Amino acid sequence: MTAQQAIADAPVRRFEYDDRTVIAADLGVTEATVDVVGDTVIVVTDEDQYELEVPTGDTTALMQNGVLTVEVNA
């Protein structure tokens, strides 16, 4: 994934730090579930499903107010 990509029409930003990578996307949905399977984050809304490849590491993903935040610790 590049520093900025899109999930559907939502912009995705990737921030690299010394000890972690943070990926954020404003999906604009209020109801969604998110799960991490291996190196893939899966987001399911009422209408769509998105898959986002992430770097290898200890991954945490959450949705709050329509914003997907993924943190991968090295």
C-alpha atoms as a PDB file:
ATOM      1  CA  MET A   1       0.000   0.000   0.000  1.00  0.00           C
ATOM      2  CA  THR A   2       1.292   3.460  -0.844  1.00  0.00           C
ATOM      3  CA  ALA A   3       1.252   6.402   1.571  1.00  0.00           C
ATOM      4  CA  GLN A   4      -2.182   7.375   0.282  1.00  0.00           C
ATOM      5  CA  GLN A   5      -4.690   5.040  -1.339  1.00  0.00           C
ATOM      6  CA  ALA A   6      -8.445   4.795  -1.357  1.00  0.00           C
ATOM      7  CA  ILE A   7     -11.004   2.347  -0.044  1.00  0.00           C
ATOM      8  CA  ALA A   8     -13.938   2.963  -2.356  1.00  0.00           C
ATOM      9  CA  ASP A   9     -14.077   6.786  -2.365  1.00  0.00           C
ATOM     10  CA  ALA A  10     -12.563   7.231   1.107  1.00  0.00           C
ATOM     11  CA  PRO A  11      -8.977   8.466   1.321  1.00  0.00           C
ATOM     12  CA  VAL A  12      -6.541   6.264   3.213  1.00  0.00           C
ATOM     13  CA  ARG A  13      -3.469   7.734   4.889  1.00  0.00           C
ATOM     14  CA  ARG A  14      -0.451   5.787   6.101  1.00  0.00           C
ATOM     15  CA  PHE A  15       1.945   7.165   8.703  1.00  0.00           C
ATOM     16  CA  GLU A  16       5.327   5.503   9.349  1.00  0.00           C
ATOM     17  CA  TYR A  17       6.954   5.850  12.774  1.00  0.00           C
ATOM     18  CA  ASP A  18      10.068   4.199  14.223  1.00  0.00           C
ATOM     19  CA  ASP A  19       8.136   1.533  16.125  1.00  0.00           C
ATOM     20  CA  ARG A  20       4.770   1.388  14.355  1.00  0.00           C
ATOM     21  CA  THR A  21       2.706   2.090  11.269  1.00  0.00           C
ATOM     22  CA  VAL A  22      -0.674   3.822  11.550  1.00  0.00           C
ATOM     23  CA  ILE A  23      -3.275   3.653   8.777  1.00  0.00           C
ATOM     24  CA  ALA A  24      -6.376   5.861   8.933  1.00  0.00           C
ATOM     25  CA  ALA A  25      -9.409   6.073   6.634  1.00  0.00           C
ATOM     26  CA  ASP A  26     -12.603   8.100   6.990  1.00  0.00           C
ATOM     27  CA  LEU A  27     -15.160   5.648   5.637  1.00  0.00           C
ATOM     28  CA  GLY A  28     -18.101   7.872   6.547  1.00  0.00           C
ATOM     29  CA  VAL A  29     -20.184   4.987   7.886  1.00  0.00           C
ATOM     30  CA  THR A  30     -21.622   4.671  11.367  1.00  0.00           C
ATOM     31  CA  GLU A  31     -22.191   0.907  11.384  1.00  0.00           C
ATOM     32  CA  ALA A  32     -19.266  -1.340  10.475  1.00  0.00           C
ATOM     33  CA  THR A  33     -17.321  -4.260  11.859  1.00  0.00           C
ATOM     34  CA  VAL A  34     -13.582  -4.656  11.551  1.00  0.00           C
ATOM     35  CA  ASP A  35     -11.402  -7.739  11.948  1.00  0.00           C
ATOM     36  CA  VAL A  36      -7.745  -8.596  11.430  1.00  0.00           C
ATOM     37  CA  VAL A  37      -6.855 -11.860   9.693  1.00  0.00           C
ATOM     38  CA  GLY A  38      -3.115 -12.293   9.273  1.00  0.00           C
ATOM     39  CA  ASP A  39      -1.823  -9.294   7.329  1.00  0.00           C
ATOM     40  CA  THR A  40      -5.299  -8.238   6.159  1.00  0.00           C
ATOM     41  CA  VAL A  41      -7.801  -5.897   7.797  1.00  0.00           C
ATOM     42  CA  ILE A  42     -11.394  -6.666   6.788  1.00  0.00           C
ATOM     43  CA  VAL A  43     -14.100  -4.012   7.153  1.00  0.00           C
ATOM     44  CA  VAL A  44     -17.742  -4.975   6.618  1.00  0.00           C
ATOM     45  CA  THR A  45     -20.509  -2.367   6.339  1.00  0.00           C
ATOM     46  CA  ASP A  46     -24.183  -2.878   5.566  1.00  0.00           C
ATOM     47  CA  GLU A  47     -23.475  -2.513   1.844  1.00  0.00           C
ATOM     48  CA  ASP A  48     -19.791  -3.300   1.242  1.00  0.00           C
ATOM     49  CA  GLN A  49     -16.749  -5.259   2.326  1.00  0.00           C
ATOM     50  CA  TYR A  50     -13.209  -3.867   2.136  1.00  0.00           C
ATOM     51  CA  GLU A  51      -9.880  -5.629   2.553  1.00  0.00           C
ATOM     52  CA  LEU A  52      -6.708  -3.719   3.328  1.00  0.00           C
ATOM     53  CA  GLU A  53      -3.257  -5.297   3.316  1.00  0.00           C
ATOM     54  CA  VAL A  54      -1.093  -4.181   6.253  1.00  0.00           C
ATOM     55  CA  PRO A  55       2.556  -4.768   7.206  1.00  0.00           C
ATOM     56  CA  THR A  56       3.455  -7.818   9.271  1.00  0.00           C
ATOM     57  CA  GLY A  57       3.323  -7.218  13.026  1.00  0.00           C
ATOM     58  CA  ASP A  58       1.040  -6.950  16.040  1.00  0.00           C
ATOM     59  CA  THR A  59      -2.044  -5.327  14.474  1.00  0.00           C
ATOM     60  CA  THR A  60      -4.931  -3.521  16.172  1.00  0.00           C
ATOM     61  CA  ALA A  61      -7.881  -2.183  14.162  1.00  0.00           C
ATOM     62  CA  LEU A  62     -10.911  -0.213  15.314  1.00  0.00           C
ATOM     63  CA  MET A  63     -13.766   1.878  13.938  1.00  0.00           C
ATOM     64  CA  GLN A  64     -14.965   5.001  15.721  1.00  0.00           C
ATOM     65  CA  ASN A  65     -17.336   7.596  14.264  1.00  0.00           C
ATOM     66  CA  GLY A  66     -16.796   6.231  10.765  1.00  0.00           C
ATOM     67  CA  VAL A  67     -12.998   6.408  10.952  1.00  0.00           C
ATOM     68  CA  LEU A  68     -10.974   3.219  10.561  1.00  0.00           C
ATOM     69  CA  THR A  69      -7.696   3.259  12.494  1.00  0.00           C
ATOM     70  CA  VAL A  70      -5.171   0.452  12.123  1.00  0.00           C
ATOM     71  CA  GLU A  71      -1.998   0.339  14.200  1.00  0.00           C
ATOM     72  CA  VAL A  72       0.762  -2.154  13.401  1.00  0.00           C
ATOM     73  CA  ASN A  73       3.551  -2.448  15.974  1.00  0.00           C
ATOM     74  CA  ALA A  74       6.880  -3.734  14.723  1.00  0.00           C
END
